[in-house]
Amino acid sequence: MRLVCVDKDELTLGILEARFSHISWRARFCRSAEDALVMVRQSSPDVLITGIQLEASNGYNLISAIRADSNPRVAFIPIVILSYMSRNDYIMRGLRLGADDFIAKPFDLINLENDIRQLAEVPDAT
């Protein structure tokens, strides 16, 4: 599994990095929407995980840029929003912009893994 994970929160990135390396998923990590867009265009990951609050921009702008990309390998990447900002209006805005899933923090790692597998259409290894 190849992932790009972007979040302003270092703790979240650290938790994801530890878990994904434990299960042998290849993930790239960053804190800004601009860096994430470059990573997505370079690596065509199976799934993008983004927060809403990012450095210098936000996850909504990142989702819009990805969905508007002329390369279908970029434009159709499954996107998961992972955020503390879990009011219904935040969730609906993300989904309307093209996110495939919204997971509220704090989150359960096993449920997150299962959601990622389902979005990437990868069978469970257990």
N, C-alpha and C. Protein backbone atom coordinates (compact mmCIF):
# COMPACT_ATOMS: atom_id res chain seq x y z
N MET A 1 0.85 -1.18 0.00
CA MET A 1 0.00 0.00 0.00
C MET A 1 0.89 1.23 0.00
N ARG A 2 0.58 2.17 -0.88
CA ARG A 2 1.32 3.43 -0.96
C ARG A 2 0.39 4.57 -0.55
N LEU A 3 0.85 5.39 0.40
CA LEU A 3 0.03 6.46 0.94
C LEU A 3 0.79 7.77 0.94
N VAL A 4 0.05 8.86 0.84
CA VAL A 4 0.56 10.19 1.17
C VAL A 4 -0.30 10.69 2.32
N CYS A 5 0.37 11.14 3.37
CA CYS A 5 -0.32 11.63 4.57
C CYS A 5 0.12 13.06 4.84
N VAL A 6 -0.84 13.96 4.96
CA VAL A 6 -0.53 15.37 5.22
C VAL A 6 -1.37 15.85 6.38
N ASP A 7 -0.70 16.46 7.36
CA ASP A 7 -1.39 16.99 8.53
C ASP A 7 -0.46 17.98 9.21
N LYS A 8 -1.03 19.01 9.79
CA LYS A 8 -0.25 19.99 10.54
C LYS A 8 0.20 19.41 11.88
N ASP A 9 -0.53 18.43 12.37
CA ASP A 9 -0.30 17.85 13.69
C ASP A 9 0.80 16.79 13.64
N GLU A 10 1.93 17.10 14.25
CA GLU A 10 3.07 16.16 14.27
C GLU A 10 2.73 14.86 14.99
N LEU A 11 1.91 14.92 16.03
CA LEU A 11 1.54 13.72 16.77
C LEU A 11 0.78 12.76 15.86
N THR A 12 -0.16 13.27 15.10
CA THR A 12 -0.92 12.43 14.17
C THR A 12 0.01 11.80 13.14
N LEU A 13 0.90 12.60 12.57
CA LEU A 13 1.84 12.06 11.58
C LEU A 13 2.72 10.98 12.19
N GLY A 14 3.16 11.18 13.44
CA GLY A 14 3.99 10.19 14.11
C GLY A 14 3.25 8.88 14.36
N ILE A 15 2.00 8.98 14.77
CA ILE A 15 1.19 7.78 15.00
C ILE A 15 0.99 7.02 13.68
N LEU A 16 0.66 7.75 12.63
CA LEU A 16 0.46 7.11 11.32
C LEU A 16 1.75 6.48 10.82
N GLU A 17 2.85 7.19 10.96
CA GLU A 17 4.13 6.66 10.49
C GLU A 17 4.49 5.36 11.22
N ALA A 18 4.33 5.34 12.54
CA ALA A 18 4.65 4.14 13.32
C ALA A 18 3.76 2.97 12.91
N ARG A 19 2.47 3.23 12.76
CA ARG A 19 1.55 2.15 12.42
C ARG A 19 1.77 1.63 11.00
N PHE A 20 1.89 2.53 10.06
CA PHE A 20 2.04 2.10 8.67
C PHE A 20 3.36 1.37 8.45
N SER A 21 4.42 1.79 9.10
CA SER A 21 5.68 1.06 8.95
C SER A 21 5.58 -0.31 9.61
N HIS A 22 4.83 -0.41 10.70
CA HIS A 22 4.63 -1.70 11.39
C HIS A 22 3.93 -2.71 10.48
N ILE A 23 3.01 -2.25 9.66
CA ILE A 23 2.28 -3.16 8.77
C ILE A 23 2.83 -3.13 7.34
N SER A 24 4.01 -2.55 7.19
CA SER A 24 4.75 -2.55 5.91
C SER A 24 4.04 -1.79 4.80
N TRP A 25 3.33 -0.74 5.15
CA TRP A 25 2.78 0.14 4.13
C TRP A 25 3.79 1.26 3.89
N ARG A 26 3.96 1.65 2.64
CA ARG A 26 4.88 2.74 2.30
C ARG A 26 4.10 4.05 2.32
N ALA A 27 4.53 4.94 3.19
CA ALA A 27 3.83 6.21 3.32
C ALA A 27 4.84 7.36 3.29
N ARG A 28 4.41 8.43 2.67
CA ARG A 28 5.18 9.68 2.66
C ARG A 28 4.39 10.68 3.47
N PHE A 29 5.11 11.51 4.23
CA PHE A 29 4.48 12.42 5.17
C PHE A 29 4.92 13.86 4.92
N CYS A 30 3.98 14.78 5.11
CA CYS A 30 4.30 16.20 5.00
C CYS A 30 3.27 17.00 5.80
N ARG A 31 3.51 18.31 5.86
CA ARG A 31 2.64 19.18 6.66
C ARG A 31 1.90 20.22 5.83
N SER A 32 2.20 20.34 4.54
CA SER A 32 1.55 21.37 3.74
C SER A 32 0.82 20.77 2.54
N ALA A 33 -0.22 21.47 2.10
CA ALA A 33 -0.98 21.03 0.93
C ALA A 33 -0.11 21.06 -0.32
N GLU A 34 0.75 22.05 -0.42
CA GLU A 34 1.62 22.17 -1.59
C GLU A 34 2.54 20.97 -1.70
N ASP A 35 3.18 20.58 -0.58
CA ASP A 35 4.06 19.41 -0.59
C ASP A 35 3.29 18.14 -0.89
N ALA A 36 2.09 18.04 -0.34
CA ALA A 36 1.27 16.85 -0.58
C ALA A 36 0.90 16.73 -2.05
N LEU A 37 0.55 17.84 -2.68
CA LEU A 37 0.19 17.80 -4.09
C LEU A 37 1.37 17.34 -4.95
N VAL A 38 2.56 17.81 -4.62
CA VAL A 38 3.76 17.38 -5.34
C VAL A 38 3.96 15.87 -5.14
N MET A 39 3.84 15.41 -3.90
CA MET A 39 4.02 13.98 -3.61
C MET A 39 2.99 13.12 -4.35
N VAL A 40 1.75 13.57 -4.37
CA VAL A 40 0.69 12.82 -5.05
C VAL A 40 0.99 12.74 -6.54
N ARG A 41 1.41 13.84 -7.12
CA ARG A 41 1.71 13.85 -8.56
C ARG A 41 2.92 12.99 -8.88
N GLN A 42 3.90 12.94 -7.98
CA GLN A 42 5.11 12.14 -8.21
C GLN A 42 4.89 10.65 -8.00
N SER A 43 4.10 10.30 -6.99
CA SER A 43 4.06 8.89 -6.59
C SER A 43 2.74 8.17 -6.86
N SER A 44 1.70 8.87 -7.26
CA SER A 44 0.39 8.25 -7.50
C SER A 44 0.05 7.23 -6.41
N PRO A 45 -0.16 7.69 -5.18
CA PRO A 45 -0.43 6.76 -4.09
C PRO A 45 -1.78 6.08 -4.24
N ASP A 46 -1.97 5.02 -3.47
CA ASP A 46 -3.26 4.32 -3.46
C ASP A 46 -4.32 5.14 -2.75
N VAL A 47 -3.90 5.89 -1.71
CA VAL A 47 -4.83 6.70 -0.91
C VAL A 47 -4.08 7.92 -0.39
N LEU A 48 -4.79 9.05 -0.31
CA LEU A 48 -4.30 10.26 0.33
C LEU A 48 -5.05 10.44 1.63
N ILE A 49 -4.33 10.70 2.71
CA ILE A 49 -4.93 11.04 4.00
C ILE A 49 -4.57 12.48 4.29
N THR A 50 -5.57 13.31 4.53
CA THR A 50 -5.31 14.72 4.79
C THR A 50 -6.09 15.23 5.98
N GLY A 51 -5.47 16.14 6.70
CA GLY A 51 -6.19 16.91 7.70
C GLY A 51 -6.88 18.07 7.02
N ILE A 52 -7.63 18.83 7.79
CA ILE A 52 -8.25 20.05 7.26
C ILE A 52 -7.30 21.22 7.47
N GLN A 53 -6.74 21.34 8.66
CA GLN A 53 -5.82 22.43 8.95
C GLN A 53 -4.40 21.99 8.59
N LEU A 54 -3.84 22.66 7.59
CA LEU A 54 -2.50 22.36 7.12
C LEU A 54 -1.67 23.63 7.16
N GLU A 55 -0.37 23.50 6.96
CA GLU A 55 0.49 24.67 6.89
C GLU A 55 0.24 25.41 5.58
N ALA A 56 0.04 26.70 5.66
CA ALA A 56 -0.07 27.62 4.52
C ALA A 56 -1.31 27.42 3.66
N SER A 57 -2.14 26.46 3.95
CA SER A 57 -3.36 26.23 3.17
C SER A 57 -4.27 25.34 4.01
N ASN A 58 -5.17 24.63 3.34
CA ASN A 58 -6.02 23.69 4.08
C ASN A 58 -6.34 22.48 3.22
N GLY A 59 -6.89 21.47 3.88
CA GLY A 59 -7.21 20.23 3.21
C GLY A 59 -8.28 20.39 2.13
N TYR A 60 -9.18 21.34 2.32
CA TYR A 60 -10.21 21.57 1.31
C TYR A 60 -9.57 22.02 -0.01
N ASN A 61 -8.61 22.94 0.07
CA ASN A 61 -7.93 23.40 -1.14
C ASN A 61 -7.16 22.26 -1.80
N LEU A 62 -6.55 21.41 -0.98
CA LEU A 62 -5.82 20.26 -1.51
C LEU A 62 -6.77 19.31 -2.25
N ILE A 63 -7.90 19.02 -1.64
CA ILE A 63 -8.88 18.13 -2.29
C ILE A 63 -9.34 18.72 -3.61
N SER A 64 -9.64 20.01 -3.63
CA SER A 64 -10.08 20.67 -4.86
C SER A 64 -9.01 20.59 -5.94
N ALA A 65 -7.75 20.82 -5.57
CA ALA A 65 -6.66 20.77 -6.54
C ALA A 65 -6.49 19.36 -7.10
N ILE A 66 -6.61 18.37 -6.26
CA ILE A 66 -6.46 16.99 -6.71
C ILE A 66 -7.60 16.61 -7.65
N ARG A 67 -8.82 16.92 -7.25
CA ARG A 67 -9.97 16.55 -8.08
C ARG A 67 -9.98 17.30 -9.42
N ALA A 68 -9.33 18.47 -9.48
CA ALA A 68 -9.29 19.24 -10.72
C ALA A 68 -8.07 18.90 -11.58
N ASP A 69 -7.19 18.03 -11.11
CA ASP A 69 -5.97 17.72 -11.85
C ASP A 69 -6.31 17.04 -13.18
N SER A 70 -5.55 17.38 -14.21
CA SER A 70 -5.81 16.83 -15.54
C SER A 70 -5.38 15.37 -15.68
N ASN A 71 -4.54 14.89 -14.77
CA ASN A 71 -4.08 13.50 -14.79
C ASN A 71 -5.08 12.64 -14.02
N PRO A 72 -5.76 11.69 -14.66
CA PRO A 72 -6.74 10.87 -13.96
C PRO A 72 -6.14 10.04 -12.82
N ARG A 73 -4.85 9.71 -12.90
CA ARG A 73 -4.20 8.97 -11.81
C ARG A 73 -4.10 9.81 -10.55
N VAL A 74 -4.13 11.12 -10.72
CA VAL A 74 -4.14 12.04 -9.58
C VAL A 74 -5.58 12.36 -9.19
N ALA A 75 -6.38 12.72 -10.16
CA ALA A 75 -7.73 13.23 -9.90
C ALA A 75 -8.65 12.21 -9.23
N PHE A 76 -8.38 10.92 -9.42
CA PHE A 76 -9.28 9.91 -8.88
C PHE A 76 -8.71 9.13 -7.70
N ILE A 77 -7.64 9.65 -7.09
CA ILE A 77 -7.07 9.00 -5.91
C ILE A 77 -8.09 9.08 -4.77
N PRO A 78 -8.34 7.98 -4.07
CA PRO A 78 -9.22 8.04 -2.90
C PRO A 78 -8.62 8.96 -1.84
N ILE A 79 -9.49 9.77 -1.23
CA ILE A 79 -9.06 10.74 -0.22
C ILE A 79 -9.82 10.51 1.08
N VAL A 80 -9.06 10.45 2.18
CA VAL A 80 -9.63 10.35 3.52
C VAL A 80 -9.27 11.62 4.27
N ILE A 81 -10.26 12.28 4.84
CA ILE A 81 -10.00 13.40 5.74
C ILE A 81 -9.94 12.85 7.15
N LEU A 82 -8.91 13.24 7.88
CA LEU A 82 -8.70 12.83 9.26
C LEU A 82 -8.58 14.12 10.08
N SER A 83 -9.60 14.42 10.90
CA SER A 83 -9.60 15.75 11.52
C SER A 83 -10.37 15.79 12.83
N TYR A 84 -9.93 16.71 13.71
CA TYR A 84 -10.70 17.04 14.91
C TYR A 84 -11.92 17.87 14.55
N MET A 85 -11.88 18.54 13.42
CA MET A 85 -12.96 19.42 13.00
C MET A 85 -14.09 18.57 12.42
N SER A 86 -14.89 18.00 13.31
CA SER A 86 -15.85 16.98 12.89
C SER A 86 -17.31 17.42 12.98
N ARG A 87 -17.54 18.73 13.00
CA ARG A 87 -18.92 19.18 12.91
C ARG A 87 -19.47 18.80 11.55
N ASN A 88 -20.76 18.63 11.48
CA ASN A 88 -21.40 18.17 10.25
C ASN A 88 -21.07 19.06 9.04
N ASP A 89 -20.99 20.38 9.23
CA ASP A 89 -20.71 21.26 8.10
C ASP A 89 -19.29 21.04 7.56
N TYR A 90 -18.32 20.73 8.43
CA TYR A 90 -16.96 20.42 7.97
C TYR A 90 -16.94 19.10 7.18
N ILE A 91 -17.66 18.12 7.71
CA ILE A 91 -17.72 16.82 7.04
C ILE A 91 -18.36 16.96 5.67
N MET A 92 -19.50 17.62 5.61
CA MET A 92 -20.23 17.76 4.34
C MET A 92 -19.42 18.55 3.32
N ARG A 93 -18.72 19.59 3.77
CA ARG A 93 -17.90 20.36 2.82
C ARG A 93 -16.82 19.47 2.21
N GLY A 94 -16.14 18.69 3.04
CA GLY A 94 -15.10 17.79 2.53
C GLY A 94 -15.64 16.77 1.55
N LEU A 95 -16.77 16.19 1.87
CA LEU A 95 -17.36 15.19 0.99
C LEU A 95 -17.85 15.82 -0.32
N ARG A 96 -18.43 17.02 -0.24
CA ARG A 96 -18.88 17.70 -1.45
C ARG A 96 -17.71 18.04 -2.38
N LEU A 97 -16.56 18.34 -1.79
CA LEU A 97 -15.38 18.68 -2.61
C LEU A 97 -14.75 17.44 -3.24
N GLY A 98 -15.11 16.25 -2.73
CA GLY A 98 -14.60 15.04 -3.36
C GLY A 98 -13.88 14.07 -2.45
N ALA A 99 -13.84 14.34 -1.15
CA ALA A 99 -13.26 13.35 -0.24
C ALA A 99 -14.15 12.11 -0.25
N ASP A 100 -13.52 10.96 -0.06
CA ASP A 100 -14.25 9.70 -0.06
C ASP A 100 -14.67 9.26 1.33
N ASP A 101 -13.99 9.78 2.35
CA ASP A 101 -14.29 9.39 3.72
C ASP A 101 -13.83 10.49 4.65
N PHE A 102 -14.48 10.58 5.80
CA PHE A 102 -14.12 11.53 6.84
C PHE A 102 -14.05 10.75 8.14
N ILE A 103 -12.89 10.79 8.78
CA ILE A 103 -12.70 10.09 10.06
C ILE A 103 -12.34 11.13 11.10
N ALA A 104 -13.11 11.16 12.17
CA ALA A 104 -12.89 12.13 13.24
C ALA A 104 -11.77 11.67 14.16
N LYS A 105 -10.95 12.63 14.59
CA LYS A 105 -9.95 12.38 15.63
C LYS A 105 -10.64 12.54 16.97
N PRO A 106 -10.27 11.78 17.97
CA PRO A 106 -9.31 10.68 17.94
C PRO A 106 -9.90 9.51 17.15
N PHE A 107 -9.02 8.71 16.56
CA PHE A 107 -9.46 7.65 15.67
C PHE A 107 -8.87 6.32 16.11
N ASP A 108 -9.50 5.26 15.66
CA ASP A 108 -9.04 3.90 15.92
C ASP A 108 -8.20 3.46 14.72
N LEU A 109 -6.96 3.05 14.97
CA LEU A 109 -6.05 2.69 13.88
C LEU A 109 -6.55 1.52 13.05
N ILE A 110 -7.15 0.52 13.67
CA ILE A 110 -7.64 -0.63 12.93
C ILE A 110 -8.78 -0.22 12.01
N ASN A 111 -9.68 0.61 12.50
CA ASN A 111 -10.77 1.09 11.64
C ASN A 111 -10.23 1.93 10.49
N LEU A 112 -9.21 2.76 10.77
CA LEU A 112 -8.60 3.55 9.71
C LEU A 112 -7.97 2.63 8.65
N GLU A 113 -7.24 1.63 9.09
CA GLU A 113 -6.63 0.66 8.15
C GLU A 113 -7.70 0.00 7.29
N ASN A 114 -8.77 -0.43 7.91
CA ASN A 114 -9.85 -1.09 7.16
C ASN A 114 -10.47 -0.16 6.14
N ASP A 115 -10.69 1.10 6.52
CA ASP A 115 -11.24 2.08 5.58
C ASP A 115 -10.29 2.30 4.41
N ILE A 116 -8.99 2.40 4.70
CA ILE A 116 -8.01 2.60 3.64
C ILE A 116 -7.99 1.40 2.70
N ARG A 117 -7.98 0.20 3.27
CA ARG A 117 -8.00 -1.01 2.43
C ARG A 117 -9.23 -1.03 1.52
N GLN A 118 -10.37 -0.69 2.09
CA GLN A 118 -11.60 -0.70 1.31
C GLN A 118 -11.54 0.34 0.19
N LEU A 119 -11.05 1.53 0.48
CA LEU A 119 -10.95 2.57 -0.56
C LEU A 119 -9.97 2.18 -1.65
N ALA A 120 -8.89 1.52 -1.26
CA ALA A 120 -7.88 1.11 -2.24
C ALA A 120 -8.22 -0.25 -2.86
N GLU A 121 -9.31 -0.84 -2.39
CA GLU A 121 -9.76 -2.16 -2.86
C GLU A 121 -8.68 -3.21 -2.70
N VAL A 122 -8.08 -3.23 -1.51
CA VAL A 122 -7.05 -4.21 -1.16
C VAL A 122 -7.63 -5.14 -0.11
N PRO A 123 -7.57 -6.46 -0.32
CA PRO A 123 -8.12 -7.38 0.67
C PRO A 123 -7.34 -7.32 1.99
N ASP A 124 -8.04 -7.60 3.08
CA ASP A 124 -7.43 -7.65 4.40
C ASP A 124 -6.45 -8.80 4.45
N ALA A 125 -5.26 -8.57 5.02
CA ALA A 125 -4.21 -9.59 5.06
C ALA A 125 -4.42 -10.59 6.18
N THR A 126 -5.36 -10.35 7.08
CA THR A 126 -5.57 -11.27 8.21
C THR A 126 -6.45 -12.42 7.84
